[in-house]
Protein backbone atom coordinates (compact mmCIF):
# COMPACT_ATOMS: atom_id res chain seq x y z
CA MET A 1 -0.04 -0.23 0.05
CA THR A 2 1.41 3.37 -0.93
CA PRO A 3 1.27 5.57 2.03
CA ILE A 4 -1.18 8.41 2.69
CA ARG A 5 0.69 11.50 3.37
CA VAL A 6 -1.90 13.71 5.87
CA LEU A 7 -1.00 17.35 6.44
CA ALA A 8 -2.69 18.62 9.16
CA ILE A 9 -2.41 22.30 9.55
CA ALA A 10 -3.86 23.93 13.17
CA GLY A 11 -4.98 27.25 12.23
CA SER A 12 -6.00 28.61 15.69
CA PRO A 13 -4.09 31.16 17.42
CA ARG A 14 -5.52 29.27 20.79
CA ARG A 15 -3.75 25.96 21.39
CA HIS A 16 -5.85 22.89 21.77
CA GLY A 17 -9.07 24.58 21.61
CA ASN A 18 -12.11 23.23 20.06
CA SER A 19 -10.85 23.22 16.36
CA GLU A 20 -7.90 21.81 17.32
CA ILE A 21 -9.36 19.08 19.56
CA LEU A 22 -11.68 18.11 16.54
CA LEU A 23 -8.30 17.87 14.38
CA ASP A 24 -6.73 15.83 16.90
CA TRP A 25 -9.71 13.42 17.30
CA ILE A 26 -9.43 12.86 13.34
CA LEU A 27 -5.66 12.21 13.53
CA ASP A 28 -5.88 10.15 16.13
CA GLU A 29 -8.27 8.01 14.35
CA MET A 30 -6.04 8.10 11.11
CA GLY A 31 -2.97 7.51 12.86
CA GLN A 32 -4.04 4.09 14.07
CA ASP A 33 -3.61 3.12 10.19
CA PRO A 34 0.10 2.21 9.51
CA ASP A 35 -0.25 3.09 5.94
CA VAL A 36 -0.79 6.96 7.26
CA HIS A 37 2.02 9.35 7.79
CA ILE A 38 0.82 12.33 9.39
CA THR A 39 2.71 15.75 9.72
CA LYS A 40 1.09 18.37 11.94
CA VAL A 41 1.56 22.06 11.29
CA VAL A 42 0.67 24.64 14.27
CA LEU A 43 0.39 28.01 12.47
CA SER A 44 0.91 30.27 15.29
CA ASP A 45 4.37 28.73 15.38
CA ALA A 46 4.90 28.43 11.62
CA ASP A 47 6.10 32.05 11.08
CA ILE A 48 3.75 32.80 8.43
CA ALA A 49 3.38 36.29 7.53
CA PRO A 50 0.73 38.13 5.18
CA CYS A 51 0.70 38.28 1.41
CA ARG A 52 2.44 41.83 0.37
CA GLY A 53 0.23 41.89 -2.54
CA CYS A 54 3.24 42.46 -4.58
CA ASN A 55 2.29 39.91 -7.61
CA ALA A 56 6.15 39.08 -7.66
CA CYS A 57 5.11 35.46 -7.90
CA GLU A 58 3.38 35.95 -11.39
CA LYS A 59 6.83 36.39 -12.57
CA LEU A 60 9.12 34.76 -10.10
CA ASN A 61 6.61 31.47 -9.50
CA ALA A 62 7.73 31.97 -5.83
CA CYS A 63 7.04 34.04 -2.96
CA VAL A 64 9.62 36.84 -2.34
CA ASN A 65 8.39 36.45 1.19
CA HIS A 66 11.01 33.80 3.19
CA ASP A 67 9.21 32.46 6.01
CA GLY A 68 7.58 29.26 7.51
CA MET A 69 5.96 29.06 4.28
CA ASP A 70 8.87 27.89 2.46
CA LEU A 71 8.62 24.59 4.30
CA LEU A 72 4.78 24.68 4.24
CA HIS A 73 4.61 25.26 0.39
CA ASP A 74 6.51 21.82 -0.38
CA GLN A 75 4.29 19.98 2.35
CA ILE A 76 1.21 21.35 0.92
CA LEU A 77 2.07 19.94 -2.74
CA GLU A 78 3.29 16.64 -1.30
CA ALA A 79 0.41 15.65 0.74
CA ASP A 80 -2.33 13.36 0.04
CA CYS A 81 -4.95 14.86 2.10
CA ILE A 82 -4.72 18.31 3.60
CA ILE A 83 -6.73 19.26 6.58
CA LEU A 84 -7.18 22.88 7.50
CA SER A 85 -8.79 23.65 11.01
CA ALA A 86 -9.51 27.11 11.85
CA PRO A 87 -12.26 28.70 14.35
CA ILE A 88 -14.69 31.39 13.26
CA TYR A 89 -13.67 34.81 14.31
CA CYS A 90 -15.90 38.11 13.19
CA MET A 91 -17.67 35.63 10.45
CA SER A 92 -14.98 34.25 8.77
CA ILE A 93 -11.59 31.88 9.63
CA CYS A 94 -9.12 33.56 11.96
CA ALA A 95 -6.23 35.50 10.81
CA GLN A 96 -3.70 32.79 11.25
CA ALA A 97 -5.49 30.76 8.82
CA LYS A 98 -6.56 33.80 6.07
CA ALA A 99 -2.82 34.54 6.19
CA LEU A 100 -1.89 30.85 4.97
CA VAL A 101 -4.72 31.24 2.22
CA ASP A 102 -3.59 34.64 1.03
CA ARG A 103 0.01 33.50 0.62
CA ALA A 104 -1.38 30.51 -1.55
CA GLN A 105 -1.46 33.06 -3.95
CA VAL A 106 1.94 31.60 -5.26
CA PHE A 107 -0.46 28.64 -6.45
CA ARG A 108 -2.84 30.71 -8.11
CA SER A 109 -0.16 32.53 -10.06
CA ARG A 110 1.36 29.33 -11.29
CA LYS A 111 -1.85 27.90 -12.39
CA TYR A 112 -3.28 30.88 -14.09
CA VAL A 113 -0.73 33.29 -14.86
CA LEU A 114 2.24 31.04 -15.64
CA LYS A 115 0.14 28.23 -17.08
CA LEU A 116 2.31 25.72 -14.72
CA PRO A 117 1.32 22.63 -13.13
CA VAL A 118 0.72 22.77 -9.46
CA VAL A 119 0.79 19.01 -8.70
CA PRO A 120 1.64 16.73 -11.33
CA PRO A 121 -1.34 15.72 -13.75
CA GLU A 122 -1.59 12.31 -12.61
CA ARG A 123 -2.26 13.31 -8.87
CA ILE A 124 -5.05 15.44 -9.75
CA GLY A 125 -8.04 13.95 -8.53
CA LYS A 126 -6.63 11.67 -5.98
CA ARG A 127 -6.06 14.53 -3.09
CA TRP A 128 -8.69 15.25 -0.56
CA GLY A 129 -9.15 18.22 1.50
CA ILE A 130 -10.89 18.55 4.88
CA PHE A 131 -12.00 21.78 6.51
CA ILE A 132 -12.31 21.83 10.45
CA SER A 133 -14.30 24.57 12.09
CA THR A 134 -15.86 25.97 15.29
CA ALA A 135 -17.58 28.74 16.07
CA GLY A 136 -19.06 30.18 19.26
CA GLN A 137 -22.47 31.56 17.98
CA ASP A 138 -25.19 29.14 17.29
CA TRP A 139 -26.30 31.04 14.12
CA ASP A 140 -27.22 28.51 11.12
CA TYR A 141 -25.01 31.12 8.70
CA VAL A 142 -21.98 31.35 11.08
CA PHE A 143 -19.96 29.38 8.52
CA ASP A 144 -21.38 30.90 5.47
CA ALA A 145 -18.43 33.35 4.91
CA ALA A 146 -15.63 30.95 5.39
CA ILE A 147 -16.82 28.22 2.84
CA PRO A 148 -15.78 30.63 -0.07
CA VAL A 149 -12.37 31.13 1.42
CA VAL A 150 -11.67 27.83 2.13
CA LYS A 151 -12.81 26.65 -1.32
CA CYS A 152 -10.47 29.02 -2.87
CA PHE A 153 -7.35 27.62 -0.81
CA PHE A 154 -8.28 24.09 -1.77
CA HIS A 155 -8.80 25.06 -5.55
CA VAL A 156 -5.56 26.71 -5.82
CA ILE A 157 -3.84 23.57 -4.44
CA GLU A 158 -5.58 21.36 -6.85
CA VAL A 159 -8.23 19.85 -4.49
CA LYS A 160 -11.67 20.18 -6.21
CA ASN A 161 -14.77 20.98 -4.56
CA ARG A 162 -15.97 17.52 -4.73
CA ASP A 163 -13.29 16.16 -3.04
CA LEU A 164 -13.84 18.42 0.16
CA SER A 165 -15.28 17.32 3.16
CA TYR A 166 -16.32 19.46 6.13
CA LEU A 167 -16.83 19.49 9.99
CA MET A 168 -18.41 22.61 11.44
CA ILE A 169 -19.71 22.61 14.67
CA ARG A 170 -21.37 25.89 15.90
CA HIS A 171 -22.14 26.99 19.75
CA VAL A 172 -18.96 26.07 21.17
CA ASP A 173 -17.47 28.96 22.75
CA GLU A 174 -15.35 28.24 26.03
CA LYS A 175 -12.28 26.18 25.56
CA GLY A 176 -12.94 22.37 25.41
CA ALA A 177 -16.75 23.17 25.07
CA VAL A 178 -16.65 20.89 21.79
CA MET A 179 -15.74 17.74 23.80
CA SER A 180 -19.27 17.96 25.47
CA HIS A 181 -21.10 18.53 22.21
CA PRO A 182 -23.29 15.41 21.38
CA THR A 183 -21.91 14.35 18.09
CA ALA A 184 -18.64 16.12 17.62
CA ARG A 185 -16.49 13.23 18.53
CA GLY A 186 -18.60 10.56 16.53
CA ASP A 187 -18.64 12.89 13.54
CA ALA A 188 -14.93 13.26 13.47
CA LEU A 189 -14.23 9.69 13.68
CA SER A 190 -16.70 8.95 11.21
CA LEU A 191 -15.26 11.57 8.95
CA SER A 192 -11.51 10.13 9.35
CA ARG A 193 -12.88 6.72 8.36
CA SER A 194 -14.60 7.69 5.42
CA VAL A 195 -11.83 9.91 3.79
CA LEU A 196 -9.32 7.16 4.73
CA GLU A 197 -11.19 4.70 2.85
CA THR A 198 -11.70 7.06 -0.21
CA MET A 199 -7.93 7.71 0.14
CA LYS A 200 -7.12 3.94 -0.14
CA GLU A 201 -9.25 3.40 -3.15
CA ARG A 202 -7.61 6.38 -5.13
CA LEU A 203 -4.18 5.65 -4.42
CA THR A 204 -4.14 1.84 -5.00
């Protein structure tokens, strides 16, 4: 069996909060499979600066900012499954995760301006993305603004909308509140198993 490379990105500035707990439940379940290789990146420790908006990547095929994104850039491209967890702050993903999305501009430039492949053609359609989020509010529309942002990120790294899964839990505000949610843990474990099954079928 070809190893399944999972890149997990913990986007919250609050360590071990609700969105990271959901992420860790998924990773713990995936990690029981010997064919799964997991890399976890904590964005608050990753030294990723905001995009400058300079558009240099449209000519250089690279970002002029040299920071933690240098390593994460390659990890994103090498992964078979990319998991982004980020809580909702002011109706969208938190600033750390948004900075990552904005720095993905380099992939957009590669794909649409320079007309270069982001990943090898044979890997397109074989990658999977998961978005994990939590929100303190109980509004049924609380994730609506975040979803297009996340879809944009996955789109430019060649993960199609049909290959995205979501785990979004609202009305969990206090740190650790998700642990008392009636379905969150079960949903996380179920999602983990489902994605792994799909990935194994694709990578066989």
